[in-house]
Amino acid sequence: MELAINIIGYLAAICMVCGYLPQAIYTIRTRDTDSIAMPTFLLLGFGSIFFVIQGIMLSNWPLVITNTITTVASAIVFGIKIHNDHFKSRK
């Protein structure tokens, strides 16, 4: 049973990273953040941070690894979004 739980955890991790990274890569390459809703993106980022903490507390490495990747990607996109919004408001 424990093996099945671990396999499901790793499959979830792969799905999360593969679902999240394309948006981050697109944003990093194009710097286009017009279609990103800041409140939604912040909540997803904070959720990832809390999952990292939970994963560490449970020693659940798929949870830690997945959400560390999504937290870093979220922080990068957040920085680009803040930069773009700041300079858009100056024009």
C-alpha atoms as a PDB file:
ATOM      1  CA  MET A   1       0.000   0.000   0.000  1.00  0.00           C
ATOM      2  CA  GLU A   2       2.835   2.392   0.851  1.00  0.00           C
ATOM      3  CA  LEU A   3       4.349   1.837  -2.610  1.00  0.00           C
ATOM      4  CA  ALA A   4       1.041   2.779  -4.254  1.00  0.00           C
ATOM      5  CA  ILE A   5       0.834   5.945  -2.146  1.00  0.00           C
ATOM      6  CA  ASN A   6       4.378   6.922  -3.149  1.00  0.00           C
ATOM      7  CA  ILE A   7       3.688   6.267  -6.833  1.00  0.00           C
ATOM      8  CA  ILE A   8       0.571   8.424  -6.682  1.00  0.00           C
ATOM      9  CA  GLY A   9       2.573  11.168  -4.947  1.00  0.00           C
ATOM     10  CA  TYR A  10       5.257  11.133  -7.640  1.00  0.00           C
ATOM     11  CA  LEU A  11       2.652  11.096 -10.429  1.00  0.00           C
ATOM     12  CA  ALA A  12       0.933  14.082  -8.819  1.00  0.00           C
ATOM     13  CA  ALA A  13       4.284  15.843  -8.594  1.00  0.00           C
ATOM     14  CA  ILE A  14       4.990  15.273 -12.283  1.00  0.00           C
ATOM     15  CA  CYS A  15       1.520  16.508 -13.270  1.00  0.00           C
ATOM     16  CA  MET A  16       1.833  19.632 -11.121  1.00  0.00           C
ATOM     17  CA  VAL A  17       5.240  20.593 -12.465  1.00  0.00           C
ATOM     18  CA  CYS A  18       4.272  19.843 -16.077  1.00  0.00           C
ATOM     19  CA  GLY A  19       1.082  21.848 -15.640  1.00  0.00           C
ATOM     20  CA  TYR A  20       2.740  24.827 -13.975  1.00  0.00           C
ATOM     21  CA  LEU A  21       6.044  25.214 -15.798  1.00  0.00           C
ATOM     22  CA  PRO A  22       4.685  26.030 -19.273  1.00  0.00           C
ATOM     23  CA  GLN A  23       3.096  29.244 -17.946  1.00  0.00           C
ATOM     24  CA  ALA A  24       6.264  30.173 -16.098  1.00  0.00           C
ATOM     25  CA  ILE A  25       8.477  29.458 -19.121  1.00  0.00           C
ATOM     26  CA  TYR A  26       6.150  31.419 -21.415  1.00  0.00           C
ATOM     27  CA  THR A  27       6.161  34.380 -19.028  1.00  0.00           C
ATOM     28  CA  ILE A  28       9.939  34.316 -18.617  1.00  0.00           C
ATOM     29  CA  ARG A  29      10.492  34.162 -22.396  1.00  0.00           C
ATOM     30  CA  THR A  30       7.884  36.720 -23.497  1.00  0.00           C
ATOM     31  CA  ARG A  31       7.584  38.897 -20.369  1.00  0.00           C
ATOM     32  CA  ASP A  32       3.828  38.925 -21.131  1.00  0.00           C
ATOM     33  CA  THR A  33       1.905  39.094 -17.858  1.00  0.00           C
ATOM     34  CA  ASP A  34      -1.267  40.869 -18.990  1.00  0.00           C
ATOM     35  CA  SER A  35      -3.411  37.739 -18.688  1.00  0.00           C
ATOM     36  CA  ILE A  36      -2.135  36.783 -15.213  1.00  0.00           C
ATOM     37  CA  ALA A  37      -4.536  37.555 -12.367  1.00  0.00           C
ATOM     38  CA  MET A  38      -2.391  38.651  -9.440  1.00  0.00           C
ATOM     39  CA  PRO A  39      -4.697  37.470  -6.592  1.00  0.00           C
ATOM     40  CA  THR A  40      -5.034  34.004  -8.096  1.00  0.00           C
ATOM     41  CA  PHE A  41      -1.321  33.745  -8.749  1.00  0.00           C
ATOM     42  CA  LEU A  42      -0.462  34.889  -5.212  1.00  0.00           C
ATOM     43  CA  LEU A  43      -2.810  32.332  -3.680  1.00  0.00           C
ATOM     44  CA  LEU A  44      -1.250  29.572  -5.788  1.00  0.00           C
ATOM     45  CA  GLY A  45       2.211  30.724  -4.690  1.00  0.00           C
ATOM     46  CA  PHE A  46       1.292  30.777  -1.010  1.00  0.00           C
ATOM     47  CA  GLY A  47      -0.366  27.378  -1.388  1.00  0.00           C
ATOM     48  CA  SER A  48       2.887  26.004  -2.786  1.00  0.00           C
ATOM     49  CA  ILE A  49       4.846  27.466   0.134  1.00  0.00           C
ATOM     50  CA  PHE A  50       2.483  25.867   2.649  1.00  0.00           C
ATOM     51  CA  PHE A  51       2.740  22.518   0.849  1.00  0.00           C
ATOM     52  CA  VAL A  52       6.545  22.736   1.074  1.00  0.00           C
ATOM     53  CA  ILE A  53       6.238  23.264   4.819  1.00  0.00           C
ATOM     54  CA  GLN A  54       3.757  20.415   5.154  1.00  0.00           C
ATOM     55  CA  GLY A  55       5.955  18.137   3.044  1.00  0.00           C
ATOM     56  CA  ILE A  56       8.962  18.868   5.241  1.00  0.00           C
ATOM     57  CA  MET A  57       6.937  18.199   8.391  1.00  0.00           C
ATOM     58  CA  LEU A  58       5.704  14.877   6.954  1.00  0.00           C
ATOM     59  CA  SER A  59       8.997  13.964   5.242  1.00  0.00           C
ATOM     60  CA  ASN A  60       6.988  13.732   2.016  1.00  0.00           C
ATOM     61  CA  TRP A  61       9.649  14.431  -0.601  1.00  0.00           C
ATOM     62  CA  PRO A  62       7.396  14.455  -3.691  1.00  0.00           C
ATOM     63  CA  LEU A  63       5.383  17.207  -2.011  1.00  0.00           C
ATOM     64  CA  VAL A  64       8.505  19.164  -1.066  1.00  0.00           C
ATOM     65  CA  ILE A  65      10.186  18.873  -4.462  1.00  0.00           C
ATOM     66  CA  THR A  66       7.088  19.672  -6.501  1.00  0.00           C
ATOM     67  CA  ASN A  67       6.106  22.677  -4.491  1.00  0.00           C
ATOM     68  CA  THR A  68       9.641  24.008  -4.246  1.00  0.00           C
ATOM     69  CA  ILE A  69       9.737  24.057  -8.053  1.00  0.00           C
ATOM     70  CA  THR A  70       6.329  25.732  -8.310  1.00  0.00           C
ATOM     71  CA  THR A  71       7.222  28.240  -5.561  1.00  0.00           C
ATOM     72  CA  VAL A  72      10.399  29.284  -7.387  1.00  0.00           C
ATOM     73  CA  ALA A  73       8.548  29.541 -10.700  1.00  0.00           C
ATOM     74  CA  SER A  74       5.783  31.515  -9.004  1.00  0.00           C
ATOM     75  CA  ALA A  75       8.281  33.937  -7.457  1.00  0.00           C
ATOM     76  CA  ILE A  76       9.920  34.554 -10.832  1.00  0.00           C
ATOM     77  CA  VAL A  77       6.587  35.187 -12.567  1.00  0.00           C
ATOM     78  CA  PHE A  78       5.472  37.374  -9.651  1.00  0.00           C
ATOM     79  CA  GLY A  79       8.616  39.489 -10.030  1.00  0.00           C
ATOM     80  CA  ILE A  80       8.044  39.893 -13.759  1.00  0.00           C
ATOM     81  CA  LYS A  81       4.366  40.765 -13.164  1.00  0.00           C
ATOM     82  CA  ILE A  82       5.250  43.424 -10.560  1.00  0.00           C
ATOM     83  CA  HIS A  83       7.907  44.869 -12.883  1.00  0.00           C
ATOM     84  CA  ASN A  84       5.511  44.992 -15.834  1.00  0.00           C
ATOM     85  CA  ASP A  85       2.648  46.480 -13.827  1.00  0.00           C
ATOM     86  CA  HIS A  86       4.944  49.126 -12.339  1.00  0.00           C
ATOM     87  CA  PHE A  87       6.248  50.281 -15.698  1.00  0.00           C
ATOM     88  CA  LYS A  88       2.812  50.028 -17.351  1.00  0.00           C
ATOM     89  CA  SER A  89       1.391  52.438 -14.760  1.00  0.00           C
ATOM     90  CA  ARG A  90       4.200  54.928 -15.456  1.00  0.00           C
ATOM     91  CA  LYS A  91       3.270  55.229 -19.144  1.00  0.00           C
END
